[in-house]
Amino acid sequence: MSATANRYAVDVRRGDEGWAVAILDPAGREVSVRACRDETEALTYASTVRQHIYWLSEDKLREYYRLPEPDHEG
């Protein structure tokens, strides 16, 4: 594991359209959303992403999930 903590996060959501999992960048912005058919799928996917956040560097996580580069403004 990298010496620098990965600052990405996961948000599990239940809305009018059903379940979804969002990946949030270090600034808290949504950079990926995956619709899920039910709560079990959402929680399973979120758990997997959390493990990847723990195991991978931010660069590798972006590469694996094809996430955009962070905005370095401000």
C-alpha atoms as a PDB file:
ATOM      1  CA  MET A   1       0.000   0.000   0.000  1.00  0.00           C
ATOM      2  CA  SER A   2       1.097   3.534  -0.732  1.00  0.00           C
ATOM      3  CA  ALA A   3       2.569   5.665   2.054  1.00  0.00           C
ATOM      4  CA  THR A   4       0.080   8.397   1.096  1.00  0.00           C
ATOM      5  CA  ALA A   5      -3.545   7.691   1.966  1.00  0.00           C
ATOM      6  CA  ASN A   6      -5.983   7.472  -0.915  1.00  0.00           C
ATOM      7  CA  ARG A   7      -8.513  10.283  -0.445  1.00  0.00           C
ATOM      8  CA  TYR A   8     -11.259   8.946  -2.724  1.00  0.00           C
ATOM      9  CA  ALA A   9     -14.564   7.913  -1.142  1.00  0.00           C
ATOM     10  CA  VAL A  10     -17.723   5.933  -1.914  1.00  0.00           C
ATOM     11  CA  ASP A  11     -21.344   6.986  -1.447  1.00  0.00           C
ATOM     12  CA  VAL A  12     -24.200   4.445  -1.573  1.00  0.00           C
ATOM     13  CA  ARG A  13     -27.515   6.046  -2.525  1.00  0.00           C
ATOM     14  CA  ARG A  14     -31.126   4.972  -2.653  1.00  0.00           C
ATOM     15  CA  GLY A  15     -33.305   7.292  -4.686  1.00  0.00           C
ATOM     16  CA  ASP A  16     -36.523   7.332  -6.650  1.00  0.00           C
ATOM     17  CA  GLU A  17     -34.767   5.556  -9.525  1.00  0.00           C
ATOM     18  CA  GLY A  18     -33.320   2.817  -7.289  1.00  0.00           C
ATOM     19  CA  TRP A  19     -29.852   2.137  -5.901  1.00  0.00           C
ATOM     20  CA  ALA A  20     -26.586   3.701  -7.077  1.00  0.00           C
ATOM     21  CA  VAL A  21     -22.967   3.922  -5.958  1.00  0.00           C
ATOM     22  CA  ALA A  22     -20.920   7.075  -6.527  1.00  0.00           C
ATOM     23  CA  ILE A  23     -17.154   7.439  -6.378  1.00  0.00           C
ATOM     24  CA  LEU A  24     -16.156  10.824  -4.966  1.00  0.00           C
ATOM     25  CA  ASP A  25     -12.833  12.494  -5.683  1.00  0.00           C
ATOM     26  CA  PRO A  26     -10.663  14.000  -2.908  1.00  0.00           C
ATOM     27  CA  ALA A  27     -12.622  17.293  -3.172  1.00  0.00           C
ATOM     28  CA  GLY A  28     -15.913  15.439  -2.654  1.00  0.00           C
ATOM     29  CA  ARG A  29     -17.027  15.735  -6.284  1.00  0.00           C
ATOM     30  CA  GLU A  30     -18.852  12.841  -7.918  1.00  0.00           C
ATOM     31  CA  VAL A  31     -16.602  11.393 -10.640  1.00  0.00           C
ATOM     32  CA  SER A  32     -18.385   8.101 -11.329  1.00  0.00           C
ATOM     33  CA  VAL A  33     -21.864   6.698 -10.691  1.00  0.00           C
ATOM     34  CA  ARG A  34     -22.998   3.123 -11.173  1.00  0.00           C
ATOM     35  CA  ALA A  35     -26.678   2.193 -11.067  1.00  0.00           C
ATOM     36  CA  CYS A  36     -27.394  -1.021  -9.182  1.00  0.00           C
ATOM     37  CA  ARG A  37     -30.455  -3.276  -9.389  1.00  0.00           C
ATOM     38  CA  ASP A  38     -30.859  -3.624  -5.616  1.00  0.00           C
ATOM     39  CA  GLU A  39     -29.340  -2.930  -2.215  1.00  0.00           C
ATOM     40  CA  THR A  40     -27.231  -6.094  -2.223  1.00  0.00           C
ATOM     41  CA  GLU A  41     -25.557  -5.200  -5.514  1.00  0.00           C
ATOM     42  CA  ALA A  42     -24.970  -1.613  -4.351  1.00  0.00           C
ATOM     43  CA  LEU A  43     -23.389  -2.675  -1.060  1.00  0.00           C
ATOM     44  CA  THR A  44     -21.252  -5.336  -2.747  1.00  0.00           C
ATOM     45  CA  TYR A  45     -19.957  -2.924  -5.393  1.00  0.00           C
ATOM     46  CA  ALA A  46     -19.319  -0.217  -2.771  1.00  0.00           C
ATOM     47  CA  SER A  47     -17.355  -2.702  -0.663  1.00  0.00           C
ATOM     48  CA  THR A  48     -15.201  -3.618  -3.650  1.00  0.00           C
ATOM     49  CA  VAL A  49     -14.489   0.029  -4.455  1.00  0.00           C
ATOM     50  CA  ARG A  50     -13.614   0.714  -0.796  1.00  0.00           C
ATOM     51  CA  GLN A  51     -11.107  -2.150  -0.868  1.00  0.00           C
ATOM     52  CA  HIS A  52      -9.551  -0.718  -4.020  1.00  0.00           C
ATOM     53  CA  ILE A  53      -9.368   2.720  -2.393  1.00  0.00           C
ATOM     54  CA  TYR A  54      -7.516   1.131   0.525  1.00  0.00           C
ATOM     55  CA  TRP A  55      -5.164  -0.959  -1.638  1.00  0.00           C
ATOM     56  CA  LEU A  56      -4.433   1.327  -4.589  1.00  0.00           C
ATOM     57  CA  SER A  57      -2.811   4.703  -4.976  1.00  0.00           C
ATOM     58  CA  GLU A  58      -5.020   7.501  -6.252  1.00  0.00           C
ATOM     59  CA  ASP A  59      -3.306   7.273  -9.664  1.00  0.00           C
ATOM     60  CA  LYS A  60      -3.925   3.531  -9.934  1.00  0.00           C
ATOM     61  CA  LEU A  61      -7.526   3.913  -8.758  1.00  0.00           C
ATOM     62  CA  ARG A  62      -8.164   6.561 -11.450  1.00  0.00           C
ATOM     63  CA  GLU A  63      -6.598   4.284 -14.040  1.00  0.00           C
ATOM     64  CA  TYR A  64      -8.589   1.202 -12.934  1.00  0.00           C
ATOM     65  CA  TYR A  65     -11.966   2.976 -12.814  1.00  0.00           C
ATOM     66  CA  ARG A  66     -11.140   5.376 -15.694  1.00  0.00           C
ATOM     67  CA  LEU A  67     -11.726   8.411 -13.515  1.00  0.00           C
ATOM     68  CA  PRO A  68     -10.811  11.953 -14.603  1.00  0.00           C
ATOM     69  CA  GLU A  69      -7.670  13.634 -13.344  1.00  0.00           C
ATOM     70  CA  PRO A  70      -8.372  15.852 -10.322  1.00  0.00           C
ATOM     71  CA  ASP A  71      -8.855  19.560 -10.838  1.00  0.00           C
ATOM     72  CA  HIS A  72      -5.841  21.235  -9.228  1.00  0.00           C
ATOM     73  CA  GLU A  73      -7.355  24.731  -9.177  1.00  0.00           C
ATOM     74  CA  GLY A  74      -7.501  26.595  -5.885  1.00  0.00           C
END
